[in-house]
């Protein structure tokens, strides 16, 4: 262990590095996200999201273009925070169930909730004018991953949907025995 970061008072639910690897963000059940300097572990900023159990932060990612934090709450809010900010600059809402997967590519984010709803977001303005179409996941999405060409999601039912990011049209899913828990795609575009 090189360093232990101890400022959170609840479980840490997500960790995301900035593209330059100089800083990292953490999200926590203590209803905060924190930005840390990687070289010495100093907490550079803390953002509090409220006092309700629904304000617990359950995951985070970093927007590679802007280095902004993208954090998700139990409520289903997607919070966008500029580097070093002390409050969200934008909060997007579009899920009625808990968000279980989030992937950020460029200035776009893709989120999925437990009911199977997938949403494409333009991080500068909120929900995109493009929506996923066709027959996609219906329940139990577990994770989402993306690169500049595809978005992939997996469910507990073992269905893996790989969708082209330029069309957002679902294709016939692949099926893995035993169901899925997590998924990854190559960071550089390739054939899946």
N, C-alpha and C. Protein backbone atom coordinates (compact mmCIF):
# COMPACT_ATOMS: atom_id res chain seq x y z
N UNK A 1 0.85 -1.17 0.00
CA UNK A 1 0.00 0.00 0.00
C UNK A 1 0.90 1.24 0.00
N UNK A 2 0.72 2.09 -0.99
CA UNK A 2 1.49 3.32 -1.08
C UNK A 2 0.90 4.41 -0.20
N UNK A 3 -0.44 4.50 -0.20
CA UNK A 3 -1.09 5.58 0.53
C UNK A 3 -2.53 5.17 0.86
N UNK A 4 -3.02 5.59 2.00
CA UNK A 4 -4.40 5.37 2.39
C UNK A 4 -5.08 6.74 2.49
N UNK A 5 -6.19 6.88 1.79
CA UNK A 5 -6.97 8.12 1.83
C UNK A 5 -8.09 7.91 2.84
N UNK A 6 -8.17 8.76 3.86
CA UNK A 6 -9.05 8.46 5.00
C UNK A 6 -10.11 9.51 5.29
N UNK A 7 -10.31 10.50 4.44
CA UNK A 7 -11.23 11.59 4.78
C UNK A 7 -12.72 11.25 4.64
N UNK A 8 -13.09 10.20 3.93
CA UNK A 8 -14.51 9.85 3.82
C UNK A 8 -15.00 9.23 5.13
N UNK A 9 -16.25 9.49 5.50
CA UNK A 9 -16.84 8.90 6.70
C UNK A 9 -17.78 7.75 6.38
N UNK A 10 -17.95 7.44 5.10
CA UNK A 10 -18.76 6.31 4.65
C UNK A 10 -17.97 5.48 3.65
N UNK A 11 -18.57 4.41 3.20
CA UNK A 11 -17.91 3.53 2.22
C UNK A 11 -17.61 4.29 0.94
N UNK A 12 -16.45 4.03 0.36
CA UNK A 12 -16.10 4.59 -0.95
C UNK A 12 -16.74 3.69 -2.01
N UNK A 13 -17.50 4.30 -2.91
CA UNK A 13 -18.26 3.55 -3.91
C UNK A 13 -17.72 3.68 -5.32
N UNK A 14 -16.78 4.59 -5.52
CA UNK A 14 -16.20 4.74 -6.85
C UNK A 14 -14.90 5.51 -6.79
N UNK A 15 -14.02 5.20 -7.74
CA UNK A 15 -12.74 5.89 -7.89
C UNK A 15 -12.54 6.15 -9.37
N UNK A 16 -12.12 7.37 -9.72
CA UNK A 16 -11.86 7.71 -11.11
C UNK A 16 -10.63 8.61 -11.19
N UNK A 17 -9.70 8.27 -12.05
CA UNK A 17 -8.49 9.06 -12.26
C UNK A 17 -8.71 10.11 -13.33
N UNK A 18 -8.07 11.26 -13.17
CA UNK A 18 -8.05 12.25 -14.25
C UNK A 18 -7.17 11.71 -15.37
N UNK A 19 -7.39 12.15 -16.61
CA UNK A 19 -6.62 11.61 -17.74
C UNK A 19 -5.11 11.77 -17.60
N UNK A 20 -4.67 12.80 -16.89
CA UNK A 20 -3.23 13.02 -16.72
C UNK A 20 -2.65 12.27 -15.51
N UNK A 21 -3.48 11.55 -14.79
CA UNK A 21 -3.09 10.77 -13.60
C UNK A 21 -2.52 11.60 -12.47
N UNK A 22 -2.76 12.91 -12.49
CA UNK A 22 -2.27 13.79 -11.43
C UNK A 22 -3.22 13.77 -10.23
N UNK A 23 -4.52 13.61 -10.50
CA UNK A 23 -5.54 13.65 -9.44
C UNK A 23 -6.48 12.47 -9.60
N UNK A 24 -7.22 12.18 -8.54
CA UNK A 24 -8.29 11.20 -8.62
C UNK A 24 -9.48 11.69 -7.82
N UNK A 25 -10.64 11.17 -8.20
CA UNK A 25 -11.89 11.48 -7.51
C UNK A 25 -12.39 10.23 -6.82
N UNK A 26 -13.09 10.42 -5.71
CA UNK A 26 -13.78 9.32 -5.06
C UNK A 26 -15.22 9.74 -4.78
N UNK A 27 -16.11 8.77 -4.84
CA UNK A 27 -17.51 9.00 -4.44
C UNK A 27 -17.77 8.12 -3.22
N UNK A 28 -18.75 8.54 -2.41
CA UNK A 28 -18.94 7.84 -1.15
C UNK A 28 -20.39 7.85 -0.69
N UNK A 29 -20.69 6.86 0.15
CA UNK A 29 -21.99 6.81 0.81
C UNK A 29 -22.15 7.92 1.84
N UNK A 30 -21.08 8.66 2.13
CA UNK A 30 -21.20 9.78 3.07
C UNK A 30 -21.78 11.03 2.38
N UNK A 31 -22.27 10.86 1.15
CA UNK A 31 -22.96 11.91 0.39
C UNK A 31 -21.99 12.98 -0.13
N UNK A 32 -20.74 12.58 -0.34
CA UNK A 32 -19.74 13.49 -0.87
C UNK A 32 -18.94 12.84 -1.99
N UNK A 33 -18.29 13.70 -2.76
CA UNK A 33 -17.20 13.28 -3.64
C UNK A 33 -16.00 14.13 -3.25
N UNK A 34 -14.83 13.56 -3.46
CA UNK A 34 -13.60 14.28 -3.12
C UNK A 34 -12.61 14.18 -4.28
N UNK A 35 -11.82 15.25 -4.42
CA UNK A 35 -10.72 15.25 -5.38
C UNK A 35 -9.42 15.20 -4.57
N UNK A 36 -8.52 14.31 -4.99
CA UNK A 36 -7.28 14.07 -4.28
C UNK A 36 -6.08 14.32 -5.20
N UNK A 37 -5.00 14.83 -4.65
CA UNK A 37 -3.74 14.91 -5.39
C UNK A 37 -3.06 13.56 -5.21
N UNK A 38 -2.75 12.92 -6.32
CA UNK A 38 -2.21 11.56 -6.27
C UNK A 38 -0.82 11.50 -5.64
N UNK A 39 0.00 12.51 -5.84
CA UNK A 39 1.39 12.46 -5.38
C UNK A 39 1.53 12.37 -3.86
N UNK A 40 0.62 13.02 -3.13
CA UNK A 40 0.76 13.02 -1.67
C UNK A 40 -0.54 12.66 -0.92
N UNK A 41 -1.63 12.42 -1.66
CA UNK A 41 -2.89 12.03 -1.02
C UNK A 41 -3.66 13.16 -0.38
N UNK A 42 -3.27 14.41 -0.66
CA UNK A 42 -3.97 15.55 -0.06
C UNK A 42 -5.35 15.71 -0.71
N UNK A 43 -6.37 15.91 0.14
CA UNK A 43 -7.72 16.18 -0.36
C UNK A 43 -7.77 17.63 -0.83
N UNK A 44 -8.05 17.83 -2.13
CA UNK A 44 -8.06 19.17 -2.72
C UNK A 44 -9.43 19.83 -2.68
N UNK A 45 -10.49 19.03 -2.73
CA UNK A 45 -11.83 19.60 -2.66
C UNK A 45 -12.83 18.52 -2.25
N UNK A 46 -13.91 18.98 -1.62
CA UNK A 46 -15.00 18.11 -1.22
C UNK A 46 -16.30 18.74 -1.68
N UNK A 47 -17.15 17.93 -2.30
CA UNK A 47 -18.48 18.40 -2.69
C UNK A 47 -19.51 17.59 -1.91
N UNK A 48 -20.39 18.29 -1.19
CA UNK A 48 -21.48 17.65 -0.46
C UNK A 48 -22.75 17.78 -1.28
N UNK A 49 -23.56 16.72 -1.29
CA UNK A 49 -24.75 16.69 -2.14
C UNK A 49 -26.05 16.79 -1.37
N UNK A 50 -26.03 16.82 -0.06
CA UNK A 50 -27.26 16.94 0.73
C UNK A 50 -27.21 16.06 1.95
N UNK A 51 -28.36 15.96 2.63
CA UNK A 51 -28.42 15.22 3.89
C UNK A 51 -29.26 13.94 3.81
N UNK A 52 -29.98 13.76 2.71
CA UNK A 52 -30.87 12.61 2.56
C UNK A 52 -30.08 11.36 2.17
N UNK A 53 -30.60 10.20 2.55
CA UNK A 53 -30.00 8.94 2.13
C UNK A 53 -29.96 8.87 0.59
N UNK A 54 -30.89 9.55 -0.08
CA UNK A 54 -30.92 9.55 -1.55
C UNK A 54 -29.77 10.35 -2.15
N UNK A 55 -29.04 11.12 -1.32
CA UNK A 55 -27.90 11.90 -1.79
C UNK A 55 -26.58 11.13 -1.73
N UNK A 56 -26.63 9.87 -1.26
CA UNK A 56 -25.41 9.07 -1.25
C UNK A 56 -24.91 8.94 -2.69
N UNK A 57 -23.62 9.07 -2.87
CA UNK A 57 -23.01 8.96 -4.19
C UNK A 57 -22.57 7.51 -4.40
N UNK A 58 -22.98 6.92 -5.52
CA UNK A 58 -22.77 5.49 -5.72
C UNK A 58 -21.79 5.17 -6.84
N UNK A 59 -21.21 6.17 -7.46
CA UNK A 59 -20.23 5.93 -8.50
C UNK A 59 -19.75 7.23 -9.11
N UNK A 60 -18.62 7.15 -9.81
CA UNK A 60 -18.10 8.35 -10.45
C UNK A 60 -17.25 7.98 -11.66
N UNK A 61 -17.06 8.97 -12.52
CA UNK A 61 -16.21 8.85 -13.70
C UNK A 61 -15.67 10.25 -13.98
N UNK A 62 -14.69 10.34 -14.87
CA UNK A 62 -14.12 11.62 -15.25
C UNK A 62 -14.35 11.83 -16.74
N UNK A 63 -14.80 13.02 -17.10
CA UNK A 63 -14.96 13.40 -18.51
C UNK A 63 -13.56 13.70 -19.05
N UNK A 64 -13.05 12.91 -19.99
CA UNK A 64 -11.68 13.11 -20.46
C UNK A 64 -11.43 14.48 -21.09
N UNK A 65 -12.42 15.04 -21.75
CA UNK A 65 -12.22 16.33 -22.42
C UNK A 65 -12.04 17.48 -21.45
N UNK A 66 -12.82 17.50 -20.37
CA UNK A 66 -12.84 18.65 -19.46
C UNK A 66 -12.25 18.37 -18.09
N UNK A 67 -11.96 17.13 -17.80
CA UNK A 67 -11.52 16.67 -16.48
C UNK A 67 -12.59 16.88 -15.42
N UNK A 68 -13.83 17.12 -15.83
CA UNK A 68 -14.94 17.28 -14.89
C UNK A 68 -15.30 15.94 -14.28
N UNK A 69 -15.77 16.00 -13.04
CA UNK A 69 -16.27 14.82 -12.36
C UNK A 69 -17.71 14.56 -12.77
N UNK A 70 -18.04 13.31 -13.01
CA UNK A 70 -19.42 12.89 -13.25
C UNK A 70 -19.73 11.90 -12.13
N UNK A 71 -20.69 12.27 -11.27
CA UNK A 71 -21.02 11.45 -10.11
C UNK A 71 -22.49 11.09 -10.13
N UNK A 72 -22.83 9.90 -9.66
CA UNK A 72 -24.23 9.47 -9.64
C UNK A 72 -24.68 9.22 -8.21
N UNK A 73 -25.95 9.56 -7.95
CA UNK A 73 -26.51 9.40 -6.60
C UNK A 73 -27.51 8.26 -6.57
N UNK A 74 -27.85 7.83 -5.36
CA UNK A 74 -28.89 6.81 -5.19
C UNK A 74 -30.19 7.28 -5.84
N UNK A 75 -30.48 8.57 -5.78
CA UNK A 75 -31.70 9.15 -6.34
C UNK A 75 -31.75 8.97 -7.86
N UNK A 76 -30.59 8.82 -8.50
CA UNK A 76 -30.55 8.73 -9.95
C UNK A 76 -30.08 10.02 -10.60
N UNK A 77 -29.63 10.98 -9.79
CA UNK A 77 -29.08 12.21 -10.33
C UNK A 77 -27.70 11.94 -10.93
N UNK A 78 -27.41 12.60 -12.03
CA UNK A 78 -26.06 12.61 -12.58
C UNK A 78 -25.55 14.02 -12.39
N UNK A 79 -24.52 14.15 -11.55
CA UNK A 79 -23.98 15.45 -11.18
C UNK A 79 -22.68 15.69 -11.94
N UNK A 80 -22.57 16.86 -12.56
CA UNK A 80 -21.35 17.26 -13.26
C UNK A 80 -20.70 18.36 -12.43
N UNK A 81 -19.41 18.17 -12.11
CA UNK A 81 -18.68 19.12 -11.27
C UNK A 81 -17.35 19.46 -11.94
N UNK A 82 -17.09 20.73 -12.11
CA UNK A 82 -15.81 21.17 -12.66
C UNK A 82 -14.70 20.82 -11.68
N UNK A 83 -13.49 20.61 -12.20
CA UNK A 83 -12.34 20.28 -11.36
C UNK A 83 -12.16 21.34 -10.28
N UNK A 84 -12.07 20.91 -9.03
CA UNK A 84 -11.85 21.82 -7.92
C UNK A 84 -13.09 22.55 -7.44
N UNK A 85 -14.25 22.31 -8.04
CA UNK A 85 -15.49 23.01 -7.65
C UNK A 85 -15.96 22.54 -6.28
N UNK A 86 -16.82 23.36 -5.65
CA UNK A 86 -17.39 22.96 -4.37
C UNK A 86 -18.88 22.67 -4.46
N UNK A 87 -19.42 22.65 -5.70
CA UNK A 87 -20.83 22.31 -5.92
C UNK A 87 -20.97 21.85 -7.37
N UNK A 88 -21.99 21.04 -7.66
CA UNK A 88 -22.21 20.62 -9.04
C UNK A 88 -22.53 21.82 -9.94
N UNK A 89 -22.02 21.79 -11.16
CA UNK A 89 -22.35 22.83 -12.13
C UNK A 89 -23.61 22.48 -12.90
N UNK A 90 -23.91 21.18 -13.03
CA UNK A 90 -25.13 20.69 -13.68
C UNK A 90 -25.60 19.45 -12.94
N UNK A 91 -26.90 19.25 -12.88
CA UNK A 91 -27.47 18.00 -12.40
C UNK A 91 -28.49 17.55 -13.44
N UNK A 92 -28.31 16.33 -13.94
CA UNK A 92 -29.20 15.77 -14.95
C UNK A 92 -30.08 14.70 -14.30
N UNK A 93 -31.34 14.68 -14.72
CA UNK A 93 -32.27 13.67 -14.22
C UNK A 93 -32.95 13.01 -15.40
N UNK A 94 -33.06 11.70 -15.36
CA UNK A 94 -33.72 10.97 -16.44
C UNK A 94 -33.98 9.53 -16.08
N UNK A 95 -33.57 9.13 -14.90
CA UNK A 95 -33.80 7.76 -14.44
C UNK A 95 -34.75 7.77 -13.27
N UNK A 96 -35.65 6.77 -13.23
CA UNK A 96 -36.56 6.61 -12.09
C UNK A 96 -36.08 5.51 -11.16
N UNK A 97 -35.16 4.69 -11.64
CA UNK A 97 -34.59 3.62 -10.82
C UNK A 97 -33.12 3.94 -10.57
N UNK A 98 -32.51 3.20 -9.66
CA UNK A 98 -31.11 3.43 -9.33
C UNK A 98 -30.22 3.17 -10.55
N UNK A 99 -29.29 4.08 -10.78
CA UNK A 99 -28.33 3.92 -11.87
C UNK A 99 -27.31 2.87 -11.45
N UNK A 100 -27.07 1.90 -12.34
CA UNK A 100 -26.15 0.81 -12.02
C UNK A 100 -24.91 0.81 -12.92
N UNK A 101 -24.91 1.65 -13.94
CA UNK A 101 -23.74 1.71 -14.81
C UNK A 101 -23.59 3.08 -15.43
N UNK A 102 -22.34 3.51 -15.57
CA UNK A 102 -22.05 4.81 -16.16
C UNK A 102 -20.74 4.70 -16.92
N UNK A 103 -20.73 5.18 -18.17
CA UNK A 103 -19.51 5.24 -18.96
C UNK A 103 -19.42 6.62 -19.59
N UNK A 104 -18.23 7.22 -19.56
CA UNK A 104 -18.02 8.55 -20.12
C UNK A 104 -16.98 8.44 -21.24
N UNK A 105 -17.34 8.99 -22.41
CA UNK A 105 -16.44 9.00 -23.57
C UNK A 105 -16.51 10.39 -24.18
N UNK A 106 -15.36 11.07 -24.27
CA UNK A 106 -15.37 12.43 -24.81
C UNK A 106 -16.26 13.31 -23.96
N UNK A 107 -17.24 13.96 -24.59
CA UNK A 107 -18.18 14.80 -23.85
C UNK A 107 -19.55 14.15 -23.73
N UNK A 108 -19.59 12.82 -23.90
CA UNK A 108 -20.84 12.07 -23.77
C UNK A 108 -20.76 11.08 -22.62
N UNK A 109 -21.91 10.85 -22.00
CA UNK A 109 -22.01 9.82 -20.97
C UNK A 109 -23.16 8.90 -21.33
N UNK A 110 -23.04 7.66 -20.93
CA UNK A 110 -24.08 6.66 -21.15
C UNK A 110 -24.37 6.03 -19.80
N UNK A 111 -25.66 6.04 -19.42
CA UNK A 111 -26.03 5.49 -18.12
C UNK A 111 -27.12 4.45 -18.29
N UNK A 112 -27.16 3.53 -17.33
CA UNK A 112 -28.19 2.48 -17.32
C UNK A 112 -28.72 2.35 -15.91
N UNK A 113 -30.02 2.10 -15.82
CA UNK A 113 -30.57 1.83 -14.49
C UNK A 113 -31.02 0.38 -14.42
N UNK A 114 -31.41 -0.02 -13.23
CA UNK A 114 -31.74 -1.43 -12.97
C UNK A 114 -32.90 -1.92 -13.83
N UNK A 115 -33.79 -1.02 -14.25
CA UNK A 115 -34.94 -1.43 -15.07
C UNK A 115 -34.55 -1.73 -16.51
N UNK A 116 -33.33 -1.36 -16.91
CA UNK A 116 -32.89 -1.57 -18.29
C UNK A 116 -32.87 -0.30 -19.12
N UNK A 117 -33.34 0.82 -18.56
CA UNK A 117 -33.33 2.08 -19.31
C UNK A 117 -31.91 2.56 -19.53
N UNK A 118 -31.56 2.82 -20.79
CA UNK A 118 -30.26 3.39 -21.15
C UNK A 118 -30.51 4.83 -21.61
N UNK A 119 -29.63 5.74 -21.16
CA UNK A 119 -29.76 7.15 -21.55
C UNK A 119 -28.40 7.63 -22.06
N UNK A 120 -28.43 8.36 -23.19
CA UNK A 120 -27.22 9.02 -23.72
C UNK A 120 -27.29 10.48 -23.32
N UNK A 121 -26.19 11.01 -22.79
CA UNK A 121 -26.15 12.37 -22.29
C UNK A 121 -25.07 13.16 -23.01
N UNK A 122 -25.37 14.40 -23.34
CA UNK A 122 -24.37 15.36 -23.77
C UNK A 122 -24.00 16.11 -22.50
N UNK A 123 -22.78 15.96 -22.02
CA UNK A 123 -22.43 16.51 -20.71
C UNK A 123 -22.45 18.03 -20.65
N UNK A 124 -22.49 18.68 -21.80
CA UNK A 124 -22.57 20.13 -21.80
C UNK A 124 -23.98 20.65 -21.62
N UNK A 125 -24.99 19.88 -22.04
CA UNK A 125 -26.37 20.39 -22.03
C UNK A 125 -27.38 19.48 -21.35
N UNK A 126 -27.01 18.26 -21.06
CA UNK A 126 -27.98 17.34 -20.48
C UNK A 126 -28.31 16.23 -21.44
N UNK A 127 -29.53 15.75 -21.41
CA UNK A 127 -29.92 14.62 -22.23
C UNK A 127 -29.75 14.92 -23.71
N UNK A 128 -29.27 13.95 -24.41
CA UNK A 128 -29.01 14.08 -25.84
C UNK A 128 -30.32 14.03 -26.63
N UNK A 129 -30.28 14.55 -27.85
CA UNK A 129 -31.45 14.42 -28.72
C UNK A 129 -31.51 13.02 -29.32
N UNK A 130 -30.46 12.23 -29.15
CA UNK A 130 -30.47 10.85 -29.62
C UNK A 130 -30.86 9.94 -28.46
N UNK A 131 -31.71 8.99 -28.72
CA UNK A 131 -32.09 8.01 -27.71
C UNK A 131 -31.82 6.62 -28.26
N UNK A 132 -31.67 5.67 -27.36
CA UNK A 132 -31.48 4.28 -27.77
C UNK A 132 -32.79 3.79 -28.38
N UNK A 133 -32.69 3.03 -29.47
CA UNK A 133 -33.91 2.53 -30.10
C UNK A 133 -33.77 1.06 -30.43
N UNK A 134 -34.90 0.42 -30.62
CA UNK A 134 -34.94 -1.02 -30.84
C UNK A 134 -35.23 -1.73 -29.53
N UNK A 135 -35.13 -3.04 -29.55
CA UNK A 135 -35.40 -3.83 -28.36
C UNK A 135 -34.10 -4.05 -27.62
N UNK A 136 -33.98 -3.41 -26.47
CA UNK A 136 -32.78 -3.50 -25.66
C UNK A 136 -33.04 -4.24 -24.37
N UNK A 137 -32.22 -3.99 -23.37
CA UNK A 137 -32.40 -4.68 -22.08
C UNK A 137 -33.74 -4.31 -21.45
N UNK A 138 -34.35 -5.29 -20.82
CA UNK A 138 -35.65 -5.04 -20.18
C UNK A 138 -35.56 -5.01 -18.67
N UNK A 139 -34.58 -5.67 -18.10
CA UNK A 139 -34.39 -5.66 -16.65
C UNK A 139 -32.93 -5.96 -16.32
N UNK A 140 -32.57 -5.76 -15.12
CA UNK A 140 -31.35 -6.24 -14.48
C UNK A 140 -30.04 -5.89 -15.18
N UNK A 141 -29.92 -4.67 -15.73
CA UNK A 141 -28.62 -4.24 -16.24
C UNK A 141 -27.67 -4.12 -15.07
N UNK A 142 -26.44 -4.61 -15.25
CA UNK A 142 -25.45 -4.59 -14.16
C UNK A 142 -24.33 -3.60 -14.40
N UNK A 143 -23.96 -3.37 -15.67
CA UNK A 143 -22.81 -2.52 -15.93
C UNK A 143 -22.86 -2.01 -17.36
N UNK A 144 -22.14 -0.90 -17.59
CA UNK A 144 -22.04 -0.25 -18.90
C UNK A 144 -20.57 0.10 -19.13
N UNK A 145 -20.12 -0.06 -20.37
CA UNK A 145 -18.78 0.37 -20.77
C UNK A 145 -18.88 0.94 -22.17
N UNK A 146 -17.96 1.83 -22.54
CA UNK A 146 -18.03 2.45 -23.86
C UNK A 146 -16.66 2.90 -24.33
N UNK A 147 -16.52 3.01 -25.63
CA UNK A 147 -15.40 3.72 -26.24
C UNK A 147 -16.01 4.64 -27.30
N UNK A 148 -15.23 5.20 -28.19
CA UNK A 148 -15.78 6.18 -29.13
C UNK A 148 -16.70 5.56 -30.18
N UNK A 149 -16.71 4.23 -30.30
CA UNK A 149 -17.55 3.60 -31.31
C UNK A 149 -18.70 2.77 -30.78
N UNK A 150 -18.56 2.18 -29.59
CA UNK A 150 -19.61 1.29 -29.09
C UNK A 150 -19.91 1.55 -27.63
N UNK A 151 -21.15 1.18 -27.26
CA UNK A 151 -21.58 1.14 -25.87
C UNK A 151 -21.98 -0.31 -25.62
N UNK A 152 -21.51 -0.90 -24.54
CA UNK A 152 -21.87 -2.27 -24.22
C UNK A 152 -22.49 -2.30 -22.83
N UNK A 153 -23.51 -3.14 -22.67
CA UNK A 153 -24.07 -3.35 -21.34
C UNK A 153 -24.33 -4.82 -21.14
N UNK A 154 -24.31 -5.22 -19.88
CA UNK A 154 -24.54 -6.62 -19.53
C UNK A 154 -25.55 -6.67 -18.39
N UNK A 155 -26.37 -7.70 -18.42
CA UNK A 155 -27.38 -7.88 -17.39
C UNK A 155 -27.18 -9.16 -16.62
N UNK A 156 -27.88 -9.27 -15.49
CA UNK A 156 -27.82 -10.50 -14.70
C UNK A 156 -28.37 -11.68 -15.48
N UNK A 157 -29.18 -11.40 -16.49
CA UNK A 157 -29.73 -12.46 -17.32
C UNK A 157 -28.72 -12.97 -18.35
N UNK A 158 -27.50 -12.39 -18.39
CA UNK A 158 -26.47 -12.83 -19.31
C UNK A 158 -26.53 -12.21 -20.68
N UNK A 159 -27.47 -11.31 -20.91
CA UNK A 159 -27.56 -10.65 -22.21
C UNK A 159 -26.56 -9.50 -22.29
N UNK A 160 -25.77 -9.50 -23.36
CA UNK A 160 -24.81 -8.44 -23.62
C UNK A 160 -25.25 -7.72 -24.89
N UNK A 161 -25.55 -6.45 -24.76
CA UNK A 161 -25.91 -5.62 -25.91
C UNK A 161 -24.72 -4.75 -26.27
N UNK A 162 -24.28 -4.80 -27.53
CA UNK A 162 -23.23 -3.94 -28.04
C UNK A 162 -23.88 -3.04 -29.08
N UNK A 163 -23.86 -1.74 -28.83
CA UNK A 163 -24.58 -0.76 -29.64
C UNK A 163 -23.60 0.23 -30.24
N UNK A 164 -23.75 0.53 -31.52
CA UNK A 164 -22.91 1.54 -32.17
C UNK A 164 -23.26 2.92 -31.61
N UNK A 165 -22.25 3.70 -31.24
CA UNK A 165 -22.52 5.00 -30.61
C UNK A 165 -23.06 6.03 -31.59
N UNK A 166 -22.87 5.83 -32.88
CA UNK A 166 -23.39 6.81 -33.84
C UNK A 166 -24.86 6.58 -34.17
N UNK A 167 -25.40 5.38 -33.88
CA UNK A 167 -26.81 5.11 -34.18
C UNK A 167 -27.65 4.87 -32.94
N UNK A 168 -27.02 4.35 -31.88
CA UNK A 168 -27.72 3.96 -30.64
C UNK A 168 -28.85 2.97 -30.92
N UNK A 169 -28.68 2.13 -31.93
CA UNK A 169 -29.68 1.11 -32.28
C UNK A 169 -29.25 -0.24 -31.72
N UNK A 170 -30.12 -0.83 -30.90
CA UNK A 170 -29.81 -2.14 -30.33
C UNK A 170 -29.79 -3.20 -31.43
N UNK A 171 -28.87 -4.13 -31.29
CA UNK A 171 -28.80 -5.31 -32.15
C UNK A 171 -29.16 -6.52 -31.29
N UNK A 172 -29.23 -7.67 -31.91
CA UNK A 172 -29.52 -8.89 -31.15
C UNK A 172 -28.41 -9.09 -30.11
N UNK A 173 -28.79 -9.38 -28.86
CA UNK A 173 -27.76 -9.52 -27.81
C UNK A 173 -27.01 -10.85 -27.91
N UNK A 174 -25.80 -10.85 -27.35
CA UNK A 174 -25.06 -12.08 -27.12
C UNK A 174 -25.52 -12.60 -25.77
N UNK A 175 -25.37 -13.87 -25.54
CA UNK A 175 -25.80 -14.46 -24.28
C UNK A 175 -24.63 -15.22 -23.65
N UNK A 176 -24.36 -14.94 -22.38
CA UNK A 176 -23.36 -15.69 -21.63
C UNK A 176 -24.04 -16.46 -20.53
N UNK A 177 -23.62 -17.70 -20.34
CA UNK A 177 -24.21 -18.53 -19.29
C UNK A 177 -23.85 -17.97 -17.91
N UNK A 178 -24.79 -18.04 -17.01
CA UNK A 178 -24.55 -17.65 -15.63
C UNK A 178 -24.79 -16.18 -15.33
N UNK A 179 -25.07 -15.38 -16.36
CA UNK A 179 -25.34 -13.97 -16.13
C UNK A 179 -24.08 -13.15 -16.05
N UNK A 180 -24.26 -11.84 -16.02
CA UNK A 180 -23.13 -10.93 -16.02
C UNK A 180 -23.10 -10.08 -14.78
N UNK A 181 -21.93 -9.54 -14.48
CA UNK A 181 -21.76 -8.63 -13.36
C UNK A 181 -21.09 -7.34 -13.83
N UNK A 182 -20.03 -7.47 -14.64
CA UNK A 182 -19.30 -6.32 -15.14
C UNK A 182 -18.96 -6.51 -16.60
N UNK A 183 -18.61 -5.41 -17.25
CA UNK A 183 -18.25 -5.46 -18.66
C UNK A 183 -17.19 -4.41 -18.94
N UNK A 184 -16.36 -4.65 -19.94
CA UNK A 184 -15.34 -3.70 -20.36
C UNK A 184 -15.25 -3.73 -21.88
N UNK A 185 -14.85 -2.62 -22.46
CA UNK A 185 -14.55 -2.56 -23.89
C UNK A 185 -13.16 -1.95 -24.02
N UNK A 186 -12.46 -2.25 -25.12
CA UNK A 186 -11.14 -1.63 -25.29
C UNK A 186 -11.26 -0.11 -25.35
N UNK A 187 -10.28 0.60 -24.79
CA UNK A 187 -10.34 2.07 -24.82
C UNK A 187 -10.19 2.59 -26.24
N UNK A 188 -9.40 1.91 -27.06
CA UNK A 188 -9.29 2.28 -28.48
C UNK A 188 -10.32 1.49 -29.26
N UNK A 189 -10.94 2.12 -30.25
CA UNK A 189 -11.95 1.40 -31.04
C UNK A 189 -11.38 0.15 -31.68
N UNK A 190 -12.17 -0.90 -31.66
CA UNK A 190 -11.80 -2.16 -32.31
C UNK A 190 -13.09 -2.91 -32.59
N UNK A 191 -12.96 -4.05 -33.21
CA UNK A 191 -14.12 -4.87 -33.49
C UNK A 191 -14.44 -5.71 -32.27
N UNK A 192 -15.71 -5.68 -31.86
CA UNK A 192 -16.13 -6.50 -30.71
C UNK A 192 -16.99 -7.62 -31.23
